[in-house]
Amino acid sequence: MSEIIFRTRKRDKQVTLNVTSLIDVLFLLLIFFMLTGTFKRVGELELQLPDSSTSAPAAGDQTHQVELIVTEDGMLRLDGEGLELRDLKSKLQAVLSQDPETRVMIKAEGGVEHGDVVGLLDIVREAGFPGVGIGTHIRDTPAEGP
C-alpha cells in the first residue's frame, strides 16, 4: 500500500497591529478639543443689561441678527467690531445691503442714558431696518414700580 505524505504546515506568522500610534493620535485629538473648547469668544463684553420681567427671548431666526452694543463709558460695537457713532449708519447700510433679512438688537447697559438709546434707534431706522430689538436681562419676578 502506498502512503500519503502530507506536508507539514508551517506556522503562519501572526499579524499584529501596533496601536501605539493610534493611541497617540487619539490623545492629541482629545487634548486639542479640550483646549479649543474652553476659550471664550474674543472681544466678549460683560454687559450689565437692565432687568425686565416682561421681556421674552428673541423670536425668529438668530442667524440674521447683528448686535449693536453700547457701554456706559460710550463704547460702541457692531457685532464685536468697535466703531464711531458717525460711521454707524454707513456700516448698518452695508450690513443691510448684504442681507435684507438682517435685524438689529441694541444691547445698552443699564447706565446708558435714554437719549443715547433713542439716538441709536433713529440711526438704525434711518439706515433702513424695519424693526429693532432691545436687549434686556430677564428677571424672574415682576418689579414693583418703575
C-alpha atoms as a PDB file:
ATOM      1  CA  MET A   1       0.000   0.000   0.000  1.00  0.00           C
ATOM      2  CA  SER A   2       1.187   3.441  -0.711  1.00  0.00           C
ATOM      3  CA  GLU A   3       1.421   6.066   1.900  1.00  0.00           C
ATOM      4  CA  ILE A   4       0.034   9.559   1.560  1.00  0.00           C
ATOM      5  CA  ILE A   5       2.542  12.084   2.554  1.00  0.00           C
ATOM      6  CA  PHE A   6       1.150  15.270   3.967  1.00  0.00           C
ATOM      7  CA  ARG A   7       3.177  18.391   4.026  1.00  0.00           C
ATOM      8  CA  THR A   8       3.545  19.826   7.415  1.00  0.00           C
ATOM      9  CA  ARG A   9       2.201  23.297   7.568  1.00  0.00           C
ATOM     10  CA  LYS A  10       4.497  25.989   8.599  1.00  0.00           C
ATOM     11  CA  ARG A  11       3.191  28.157  11.340  1.00  0.00           C
ATOM     12  CA  ASP A  12       1.812  31.375   9.855  1.00  0.00           C
ATOM     13  CA  LYS A  13       3.267  34.498  11.200  1.00  0.00           C
ATOM     14  CA  GLN A  14       0.827  36.251  13.439  1.00  0.00           C
ATOM     15  CA  VAL A  15      -0.324  39.631  12.265  1.00  0.00           C
ATOM     16  CA  THR A  16      -0.006  42.221  14.984  1.00  0.00           C
ATOM     17  CA  LEU A  17      -1.447  45.660  14.961  1.00  0.00           C
ATOM     18  CA  ASN A  18       0.622  48.252  16.728  1.00  0.00           C
ATOM     19  CA  VAL A  19      -1.896  50.556  18.369  1.00  0.00           C
ATOM     20  CA  THR A  20       0.645  52.851  19.985  1.00  0.00           C
ATOM     21  CA  SER A  21       0.500  55.366  17.158  1.00  0.00           C
ATOM     22  CA  LEU A  22      -3.314  55.232  17.126  1.00  0.00           C
ATOM     23  CA  ILE A  23      -3.425  55.985  20.846  1.00  0.00           C
ATOM     24  CA  ASP A  24      -1.011  58.891  20.357  1.00  0.00           C
ATOM     25  CA  VAL A  25      -3.244  60.400  17.695  1.00  0.00           C
ATOM     26  CA  LEU A  26      -6.311  59.862  19.883  1.00  0.00           C
ATOM     27  CA  PHE A  27      -4.728  61.680  22.811  1.00  0.00           C
ATOM     28  CA  LEU A  28      -3.580  64.539  20.592  1.00  0.00           C
ATOM     29  CA  LEU A  29      -7.127  64.979  19.272  1.00  0.00           C
ATOM     30  CA  LEU A  30      -8.541  64.810  22.785  1.00  0.00           C
ATOM     31  CA  ILE A  31      -6.135  67.488  24.035  1.00  0.00           C
ATOM     32  CA  PHE A  32      -6.821  69.673  21.005  1.00  0.00           C
ATOM     33  CA  PHE A  33     -10.596  69.606  21.518  1.00  0.00           C
ATOM     34  CA  MET A  34     -10.273  70.158  25.273  1.00  0.00           C
ATOM     35  CA  LEU A  35      -8.110  73.231  24.777  1.00  0.00           C
ATOM     36  CA  THR A  36     -10.078  74.809  21.946  1.00  0.00           C
ATOM     37  CA  GLY A  37     -13.417  74.159  23.619  1.00  0.00           C
ATOM     38  CA  THR A  38     -12.622  76.220  26.712  1.00  0.00           C
ATOM     39  CA  PHE A  39     -11.662  79.542  25.120  1.00  0.00           C
ATOM     40  CA  LYS A  40     -14.030  82.474  25.430  1.00  0.00           C
ATOM     41  CA  ARG A  41     -15.021  84.439  22.378  1.00  0.00           C
ATOM     42  CA  VAL A  42     -12.563  87.203  21.631  1.00  0.00           C
ATOM     43  CA  GLY A  43     -13.958  90.644  22.340  1.00  0.00           C
ATOM     44  CA  GLU A  44     -16.793  89.400  24.501  1.00  0.00           C
ATOM     45  CA  LEU A  45     -18.053  92.025  26.936  1.00  0.00           C
ATOM     46  CA  GLU A  46     -19.652  91.603  30.343  1.00  0.00           C
ATOM     47  CA  LEU A  47     -22.697  93.827  29.910  1.00  0.00           C
ATOM     48  CA  GLN A  48     -24.944  94.868  32.780  1.00  0.00           C
ATOM     49  CA  LEU A  49     -28.224  94.885  30.860  1.00  0.00           C
ATOM     50  CA  PRO A  50     -31.306  96.364  32.529  1.00  0.00           C
ATOM     51  CA  ASP A  51     -33.719  93.895  34.135  1.00  0.00           C
ATOM     52  CA  SER A  52     -37.175  93.257  32.739  1.00  0.00           C
ATOM     53  CA  SER A  53     -39.862  90.896  33.984  1.00  0.00           C
ATOM     54  CA  THR A  54     -41.958  91.113  30.813  1.00  0.00           C
ATOM     55  CA  SER A  55     -39.285  90.559  28.184  1.00  0.00           C
ATOM     56  CA  ALA A  56     -39.081  87.280  26.331  1.00  0.00           C
ATOM     57  CA  PRO A  57     -36.290  85.569  24.425  1.00  0.00           C
ATOM     58  CA  ALA A  58     -35.901  86.815  20.867  1.00  0.00           C
ATOM     59  CA  ALA A  59     -38.201  85.034  18.469  1.00  0.00           C
ATOM     60  CA  GLY A  60     -37.246  84.146  14.947  1.00  0.00           C
ATOM     61  CA  ASP A  61     -34.019  83.336  13.236  1.00  0.00           C
ATOM     62  CA  GLN A  62     -30.964  84.381  15.249  1.00  0.00           C
ATOM     63  CA  THR A  63     -28.647  83.970  12.251  1.00  0.00           C
ATOM     64  CA  HIS A  64     -29.964  87.169  10.640  1.00  0.00           C
ATOM     65  CA  GLN A  65     -29.225  89.391  13.619  1.00  0.00           C
ATOM     66  CA  VAL A  66     -26.458  91.858  14.372  1.00  0.00           C
ATOM     67  CA  GLU A  67     -25.727  93.149  17.845  1.00  0.00           C
ATOM     68  CA  LEU A  68     -25.261  96.843  18.465  1.00  0.00           C
ATOM     69  CA  ILE A  69     -23.644  97.154  21.893  1.00  0.00           C
ATOM     70  CA  VAL A  70     -23.370 100.401  23.874  1.00  0.00           C
ATOM     71  CA  THR A  71     -21.487 100.500  27.172  1.00  0.00           C
ATOM     72  CA  GLU A  72     -21.752 103.046  29.962  1.00  0.00           C
ATOM     73  CA  ASP A  73     -18.397 104.562  29.003  1.00  0.00           C
ATOM     74  CA  GLY A  74     -19.676 105.275  25.474  1.00  0.00           C
ATOM     75  CA  MET A  75     -18.011 102.409  23.618  1.00  0.00           C
ATOM     76  CA  LEU A  76     -19.993 101.332  20.545  1.00  0.00           C
ATOM     77  CA  ARG A  77     -19.619  97.901  18.911  1.00  0.00           C
ATOM     78  CA  LEU A  78     -21.370  96.413  15.900  1.00  0.00           C
ATOM     79  CA  ASP A  79     -21.047  92.604  16.000  1.00  0.00           C
ATOM     80  CA  GLY A  80     -17.907  92.861  18.112  1.00  0.00           C
ATOM     81  CA  GLU A  81     -16.205  95.475  15.914  1.00  0.00           C
ATOM     82  CA  GLY A  82     -15.594  98.829  17.576  1.00  0.00           C
ATOM     83  CA  LEU A  83     -16.718 101.899  15.658  1.00  0.00           C
ATOM     84  CA  GLU A  84     -17.538 105.562  15.982  1.00  0.00           C
ATOM     85  CA  LEU A  85     -21.087 106.923  16.068  1.00  0.00           C
ATOM     86  CA  ARG A  86     -20.534 108.873  12.820  1.00  0.00           C
ATOM     87  CA  ASP A  87     -19.692 105.611  10.973  1.00  0.00           C
ATOM     88  CA  LEU A  88     -22.651 103.645  12.325  1.00  0.00           C
ATOM     89  CA  LYS A  89     -25.216 104.491   9.634  1.00  0.00           C
ATOM     90  CA  SER A  90     -22.923 103.554   6.737  1.00  0.00           C
ATOM     91  CA  LYS A  91     -21.908 100.279   8.424  1.00  0.00           C
ATOM     92  CA  LEU A  92     -25.566  99.397   9.046  1.00  0.00           C
ATOM     93  CA  GLN A  93     -26.478 100.163   5.435  1.00  0.00           C
ATOM     94  CA  ALA A  94     -23.646  97.896   4.281  1.00  0.00           C
ATOM     95  CA  VAL A  95     -24.947  95.080   6.510  1.00  0.00           C
ATOM     96  CA  LEU A  96     -28.486  95.558   5.228  1.00  0.00           C
ATOM     97  CA  SER A  97     -27.349  95.550   1.589  1.00  0.00           C
ATOM     98  CA  GLN A  98     -25.596  92.186   2.107  1.00  0.00           C
ATOM     99  CA  ASP A  99     -28.616  90.566   3.789  1.00  0.00           C
ATOM    100  CA  PRO A 100     -32.010  92.339   3.716  1.00  0.00           C
ATOM    101  CA  GLU A 101     -33.380  89.881   6.311  1.00  0.00           C
ATOM    102  CA  THR A 102     -30.976  91.118   8.988  1.00  0.00           C
ATOM    103  CA  ARG A 103     -32.369  92.534  12.231  1.00  0.00           C
ATOM    104  CA  VAL A 104     -30.606  94.745  14.779  1.00  0.00           C
ATOM    105  CA  MET A 105     -30.519  94.010  18.514  1.00  0.00           C
ATOM    106  CA  ILE A 106     -29.452  97.013  20.602  1.00  0.00           C
ATOM    107  CA  LYS A 107     -27.835  95.970  23.872  1.00  0.00           C
ATOM    108  CA  ALA A 108     -27.280  99.008  26.060  1.00  0.00           C
ATOM    109  CA  GLU A 109     -26.009  98.764  29.616  1.00  0.00           C
ATOM    110  CA  GLY A 110     -28.280  99.981  32.396  1.00  0.00           C
ATOM    111  CA  GLY A 111     -26.316 103.197  32.914  1.00  0.00           C
ATOM    112  CA  VAL A 112     -26.570 104.389  29.310  1.00  0.00           C
ATOM    113  CA  GLU A 113     -28.774 107.464  29.048  1.00  0.00           C
ATOM    114  CA  HIS A 114     -32.194 107.138  27.465  1.00  0.00           C
ATOM    115  CA  GLY A 115     -31.405 109.849  24.912  1.00  0.00           C
ATOM    116  CA  ASP A 116     -28.385 107.901  23.651  1.00  0.00           C
ATOM    117  CA  VAL A 117     -30.512 104.795  23.061  1.00  0.00           C
ATOM    118  CA  VAL A 118     -33.178 106.839  21.257  1.00  0.00           C
ATOM    119  CA  GLY A 119     -30.445 108.336  19.054  1.00  0.00           C
ATOM    120  CA  LEU A 120     -29.261 104.844  18.153  1.00  0.00           C
ATOM    121  CA  LEU A 121     -32.821 103.793  17.348  1.00  0.00           C
ATOM    122  CA  ASP A 122     -33.117 106.742  14.970  1.00  0.00           C
ATOM    123  CA  ILE A 123     -29.842 105.875  13.226  1.00  0.00           C
ATOM    124  CA  VAL A 124     -30.888 102.229  12.815  1.00  0.00           C
ATOM    125  CA  ARG A 125     -34.248 103.218  11.330  1.00  0.00           C
ATOM    126  CA  GLU A 126     -32.617 105.799   9.021  1.00  0.00           C
ATOM    127  CA  ALA A 127     -30.310 103.026   7.776  1.00  0.00           C
ATOM    128  CA  GLY A 128     -33.419 101.176   6.581  1.00  0.00           C
ATOM    129  CA  PHE A 129     -34.015  98.474   9.191  1.00  0.00           C
ATOM    130  CA  PRO A 130     -37.747  97.900   9.719  1.00  0.00           C
ATOM    131  CA  GLY A 131     -37.510  96.673  13.299  1.00  0.00           C
ATOM    132  CA  VAL A 132     -35.134  96.899  16.206  1.00  0.00           C
ATOM    133  CA  GLY A 133     -34.865  94.766  19.333  1.00  0.00           C
ATOM    134  CA  ILE A 134     -33.751  95.979  22.745  1.00  0.00           C
ATOM    135  CA  GLY A 135     -31.633  93.557  24.775  1.00  0.00           C
ATOM    136  CA  THR A 136     -32.552  93.059  28.436  1.00  0.00           C
ATOM    137  CA  HIS A 137     -31.820  90.676  31.271  1.00  0.00           C
ATOM    138  CA  ILE A 138     -34.920  88.603  32.014  1.00  0.00           C
ATOM    139  CA  ARG A 139     -35.973  88.944  35.659  1.00  0.00           C
ATOM    140  CA  ASP A 140     -37.842  86.100  37.335  1.00  0.00           C
ATOM    141  CA  THR A 141     -40.238  88.203  39.429  1.00  0.00           C
ATOM    142  CA  PRO A 142     -42.154  91.299  38.374  1.00  0.00           C
ATOM    143  CA  ALA A 143     -40.776  94.619  39.508  1.00  0.00           C
ATOM    144  CA  GLU A 144     -42.698  96.888  41.863  1.00  0.00           C
ATOM    145  CA  GLY A 145     -42.899 100.384  40.415  1.00  0.00           C
ATOM    146  CA  PRO A 146     -40.794 101.942  37.639  1.00  0.00           C
END
